[in-house]
Amino acid sequence: MRLIAICFILFVLLFTGCQEKRRDAELSKYVAYSNRDSAQLELNLFESRFHGKLRFYRPGGEIDSGEIQGNIKKDTLAGDYYYVPFGWGQKKRRPFVLLKKGSQYILGTGTEQVYMGIPHYIPSTISFQQAKYVFTAVVH
């Protein structure tokens, strides 16, 4: 009986110790504008991971809508964007990178490469200069 109690306590400690804690308690929403285009970003941040939704709106009713996920390293969020182009058709996966600067997020670009079926930017080519989208928080 004592062995079962010890195993249970170890299991509970291991389980609670491995769970990742949220950095923010609720979903954060952001918006960005670039000429006639706009974008909406929803982020859930954890200690070292993030996930959320991203939508790009273009003239003529074109919408790219999908989900983002990835890793957080210091002030950079890097992962992928799994989306449906133009609101229909086959889903596509592209690399995704954001730089947190103050209360804003800057969408970066780079040279895309696919390794073992996973798209990513070549690290030395990632740039946040001349960013098309700078996301600012939406105030409720």
C-alpha atoms as a PDB file:
ATOM      1  CA  MET A   1       0.000   0.000   0.000  1.00  0.00           C
ATOM      2  CA  ARG A   2       2.842   2.334   0.866  1.00  0.00           C
ATOM      3  CA  LEU A   3       4.513   1.631  -2.514  1.00  0.00           C
ATOM      4  CA  ILE A   4       1.301   2.568  -4.344  1.00  0.00           C
ATOM      5  CA  ALA A   5       1.086   5.859  -2.431  1.00  0.00           C
ATOM      6  CA  ILE A   6       4.711   6.701  -3.250  1.00  0.00           C
ATOM      7  CA  CYS A   7       4.186   5.852  -6.946  1.00  0.00           C
ATOM      8  CA  PHE A   8       1.052   8.004  -7.010  1.00  0.00           C
ATOM      9  CA  ILE A   9       2.865  10.977  -5.467  1.00  0.00           C
ATOM     10  CA  LEU A  10       5.756  10.611  -7.924  1.00  0.00           C
ATOM     11  CA  PHE A  11       3.298  10.417 -10.827  1.00  0.00           C
ATOM     12  CA  VAL A  12       1.485  13.581  -9.715  1.00  0.00           C
ATOM     13  CA  LEU A  13       4.779  15.471  -9.264  1.00  0.00           C
ATOM     14  CA  LEU A  14       6.070  14.312 -12.649  1.00  0.00           C
ATOM     15  CA  PHE A  15       2.807  15.158 -14.400  1.00  0.00           C
ATOM     16  CA  THR A  16       2.506  18.653 -12.917  1.00  0.00           C
ATOM     17  CA  GLY A  17       6.206  19.364 -13.438  1.00  0.00           C
ATOM     18  CA  CYS A  18       6.042  18.557 -17.151  1.00  0.00           C
ATOM     19  CA  GLN A  19       3.059  20.725 -17.952  1.00  0.00           C
ATOM     20  CA  GLU A  20       3.954  23.981 -19.633  1.00  0.00           C
ATOM     21  CA  LYS A  21       2.673  27.128 -17.962  1.00  0.00           C
ATOM     22  CA  ARG A  22       0.923  29.854 -19.944  1.00  0.00           C
ATOM     23  CA  ARG A  23       2.700  33.138 -20.218  1.00  0.00           C
ATOM     24  CA  ASP A  24      -0.604  35.000 -20.778  1.00  0.00           C
ATOM     25  CA  ALA A  25      -3.893  33.922 -19.243  1.00  0.00           C
ATOM     26  CA  GLU A  26      -6.032  34.676 -22.291  1.00  0.00           C
ATOM     27  CA  LEU A  27      -5.949  34.913 -26.040  1.00  0.00           C
ATOM     28  CA  SER A  28      -4.205  38.036 -27.383  1.00  0.00           C
ATOM     29  CA  LYS A  29      -5.483  39.624 -30.594  1.00  0.00           C
ATOM     30  CA  TYR A  30      -3.556  41.815 -33.011  1.00  0.00           C
ATOM     31  CA  VAL A  31      -4.213  43.595 -36.294  1.00  0.00           C
ATOM     32  CA  ALA A  32      -1.934  44.930 -39.056  1.00  0.00           C
ATOM     33  CA  TYR A  33      -2.480  47.031 -42.178  1.00  0.00           C
ATOM     34  CA  SER A  34      -0.420  47.336 -45.343  1.00  0.00           C
ATOM     35  CA  ASN A  35      -1.844  49.528 -48.127  1.00  0.00           C
ATOM     36  CA  ARG A  36      -5.134  47.824 -49.086  1.00  0.00           C
ATOM     37  CA  ASP A  37      -4.238  44.563 -47.294  1.00  0.00           C
ATOM     38  CA  SER A  38      -4.863  43.728 -43.654  1.00  0.00           C
ATOM     39  CA  ALA A  39      -4.154  40.849 -41.293  1.00  0.00           C
ATOM     40  CA  GLN A  40      -5.535  39.538 -38.002  1.00  0.00           C
ATOM     41  CA  LEU A  41      -3.456  37.527 -35.536  1.00  0.00           C
ATOM     42  CA  GLU A  42      -4.629  35.585 -32.483  1.00  0.00           C
ATOM     43  CA  LEU A  43      -1.898  34.293 -30.156  1.00  0.00           C
ATOM     44  CA  ASN A  44      -1.758  31.902 -27.217  1.00  0.00           C
ATOM     45  CA  LEU A  45       1.687  32.092 -25.614  1.00  0.00           C
ATOM     46  CA  PHE A  46       3.260  29.482 -23.354  1.00  0.00           C
ATOM     47  CA  GLU A  47       6.753  29.241 -21.830  1.00  0.00           C
ATOM     48  CA  SER A  48       8.474  28.009 -24.975  1.00  0.00           C
ATOM     49  CA  ARG A  49       5.638  27.404 -27.479  1.00  0.00           C
ATOM     50  CA  PHE A  50       2.869  29.345 -29.163  1.00  0.00           C
ATOM     51  CA  HIS A  51      -0.178  28.639 -31.286  1.00  0.00           C
ATOM     52  CA  GLY A  52      -2.965  30.678 -32.764  1.00  0.00           C
ATOM     53  CA  LYS A  53      -4.756  31.821 -35.903  1.00  0.00           C
ATOM     54  CA  LEU A  54      -3.718  34.125 -38.717  1.00  0.00           C
ATOM     55  CA  ARG A  55      -5.850  35.657 -41.484  1.00  0.00           C
ATOM     56  CA  PHE A  56      -4.728  37.818 -44.402  1.00  0.00           C
ATOM     57  CA  TYR A  57      -7.380  39.925 -46.162  1.00  0.00           C
ATOM     58  CA  ARG A  58      -6.687  41.182 -49.690  1.00  0.00           C
ATOM     59  CA  PRO A  59      -8.729  43.270 -52.160  1.00  0.00           C
ATOM     60  CA  GLY A  60     -11.373  41.353 -54.081  1.00  0.00           C
ATOM     61  CA  GLY A  61     -12.437  39.321 -51.068  1.00  0.00           C
ATOM     62  CA  GLU A  62      -9.335  37.080 -51.074  1.00  0.00           C
ATOM     63  CA  ILE A  63      -8.671  35.595 -47.637  1.00  0.00           C
ATOM     64  CA  ASP A  64      -5.809  33.345 -46.550  1.00  0.00           C
ATOM     65  CA  SER A  65      -6.833  31.801 -43.239  1.00  0.00           C
ATOM     66  CA  GLY A  66      -5.093  29.230 -41.087  1.00  0.00           C
ATOM     67  CA  GLU A  67      -3.315  28.219 -37.927  1.00  0.00           C
ATOM     68  CA  ILE A  68       0.137  29.041 -36.628  1.00  0.00           C
ATOM     69  CA  GLN A  69       2.307  27.141 -34.174  1.00  0.00           C
ATOM     70  CA  GLY A  70       5.927  27.023 -33.170  1.00  0.00           C
ATOM     71  CA  ASN A  71       8.625  27.774 -30.635  1.00  0.00           C
ATOM     72  CA  ILE A  72       9.476  30.900 -28.677  1.00  0.00           C
ATOM     73  CA  LYS A  73      13.139  31.869 -28.298  1.00  0.00           C
ATOM     74  CA  LYS A  74      13.631  35.122 -26.414  1.00  0.00           C
ATOM     75  CA  ASP A  75      11.763  37.758 -28.475  1.00  0.00           C
ATOM     76  CA  THR A  76      11.283  35.616 -31.614  1.00  0.00           C
ATOM     77  CA  LEU A  77       8.375  33.313 -32.444  1.00  0.00           C
ATOM     78  CA  ALA A  78       9.275  30.847 -35.209  1.00  0.00           C
ATOM     79  CA  GLY A  79       7.132  28.061 -36.603  1.00  0.00           C
ATOM     80  CA  ASP A  80       4.752  27.407 -39.444  1.00  0.00           C
ATOM     81  CA  TYR A  81       1.530  28.708 -40.934  1.00  0.00           C
ATOM     82  CA  TYR A  82      -0.873  25.982 -42.113  1.00  0.00           C
ATOM     83  CA  TYR A  83      -3.535  27.701 -44.179  1.00  0.00           C
ATOM     84  CA  VAL A  84      -6.122  27.548 -46.934  1.00  0.00           C
ATOM     85  CA  PRO A  85      -5.194  30.011 -49.713  1.00  0.00           C
ATOM     86  CA  PHE A  86      -8.015  32.215 -51.036  1.00  0.00           C
ATOM     87  CA  GLY A  87     -10.489  30.500 -48.692  1.00  0.00           C
ATOM     88  CA  TRP A  88     -10.678  27.298 -50.738  1.00  0.00           C
ATOM     89  CA  GLY A  89      -8.496  24.558 -52.153  1.00  0.00           C
ATOM     90  CA  GLN A  90      -5.760  22.446 -50.685  1.00  0.00           C
ATOM     91  CA  LYS A  91      -4.075  23.490 -47.433  1.00  0.00           C
ATOM     92  CA  LYS A  92      -0.478  24.735 -47.633  1.00  0.00           C
ATOM     93  CA  ARG A  93       2.264  25.010 -45.030  1.00  0.00           C
ATOM     94  CA  ARG A  94       4.726  27.894 -44.960  1.00  0.00           C
ATOM     95  CA  PRO A  95       7.356  29.074 -42.496  1.00  0.00           C
ATOM     96  CA  PHE A  96       6.344  31.803 -40.071  1.00  0.00           C
ATOM     97  CA  VAL A  97       8.418  34.134 -37.901  1.00  0.00           C
ATOM     98  CA  LEU A  98       7.516  37.085 -35.662  1.00  0.00           C
ATOM     99  CA  LEU A  99       9.729  39.472 -33.700  1.00  0.00           C
ATOM    100  CA  LYS A 100       8.284  41.033 -30.546  1.00  0.00           C
ATOM    101  CA  LYS A 101       9.254  44.678 -30.299  1.00  0.00           C
ATOM    102  CA  GLY A 102       7.616  46.414 -27.359  1.00  0.00           C
ATOM    103  CA  SER A 103       3.901  45.665 -27.571  1.00  0.00           C
ATOM    104  CA  GLN A 104       4.042  44.958 -31.315  1.00  0.00           C
ATOM    105  CA  TYR A 105       4.907  41.907 -33.412  1.00  0.00           C
ATOM    106  CA  ILE A 106       6.763  42.294 -36.710  1.00  0.00           C
ATOM    107  CA  LEU A 107       6.227  39.639 -39.404  1.00  0.00           C
ATOM    108  CA  GLY A 108       9.568  38.551 -40.816  1.00  0.00           C
ATOM    109  CA  THR A 109      10.611  37.085 -44.134  1.00  0.00           C
ATOM    110  CA  GLY A 110      13.453  34.940 -45.382  1.00  0.00           C
ATOM    111  CA  THR A 111      14.533  32.345 -47.880  1.00  0.00           C
ATOM    112  CA  GLU A 112      12.288  29.306 -47.585  1.00  0.00           C
ATOM    113  CA  GLN A 113      13.672  25.782 -47.420  1.00  0.00           C
ATOM    114  CA  VAL A 114      11.945  22.439 -46.875  1.00  0.00           C
ATOM    115  CA  TYR A 115      13.736  19.860 -44.733  1.00  0.00           C
ATOM    116  CA  MET A 116      12.126  16.459 -44.181  1.00  0.00           C
ATOM    117  CA  GLY A 117       8.789  17.883 -45.316  1.00  0.00           C
ATOM    118  CA  ILE A 118       8.869  20.801 -42.866  1.00  0.00           C
ATOM    119  CA  PRO A 119       9.197  24.317 -44.301  1.00  0.00           C
ATOM    120  CA  HIS A 120      11.400  26.838 -42.504  1.00  0.00           C
ATOM    121  CA  TYR A 121      13.415  29.970 -43.162  1.00  0.00           C
ATOM    122  CA  ILE A 122      17.174  29.622 -43.466  1.00  0.00           C
ATOM    123  CA  PRO A 123      18.249  31.337 -40.200  1.00  0.00           C
ATOM    124  CA  SER A 124      20.862  33.613 -41.806  1.00  0.00           C
ATOM    125  CA  THR A 125      18.260  35.026 -44.237  1.00  0.00           C
ATOM    126  CA  ILE A 126      15.561  36.033 -41.733  1.00  0.00           C
ATOM    127  CA  SER A 127      14.860  39.764 -41.863  1.00  0.00           C
ATOM    128  CA  PHE A 128      12.464  42.087 -40.062  1.00  0.00           C
ATOM    129  CA  GLN A 129      13.557  45.162 -42.044  1.00  0.00           C
ATOM    130  CA  GLN A 130      10.982  46.505 -44.515  1.00  0.00           C
ATOM    131  CA  ALA A 131       8.252  44.394 -42.893  1.00  0.00           C
ATOM    132  CA  LYS A 132       4.927  44.398 -44.700  1.00  0.00           C
ATOM    133  CA  TYR A 133       2.941  43.712 -41.509  1.00  0.00           C
ATOM    134  CA  VAL A 134       3.461  45.158 -38.028  1.00  0.00           C
ATOM    135  CA  PHE A 135       0.820  43.818 -35.648  1.00  0.00           C
ATOM    136  CA  THR A 136      -0.550  46.022 -32.862  1.00  0.00           C
ATOM    137  CA  ALA A 137      -2.771  44.838 -30.019  1.00  0.00           C
ATOM    138  CA  VAL A 138      -6.527  45.142 -30.350  1.00  0.00           C
ATOM    139  CA  VAL A 139      -7.980  46.909 -27.327  1.00  0.00           C
ATOM    140  CA  HIS A 140     -11.220  45.382 -26.055  1.00  0.00           C
END
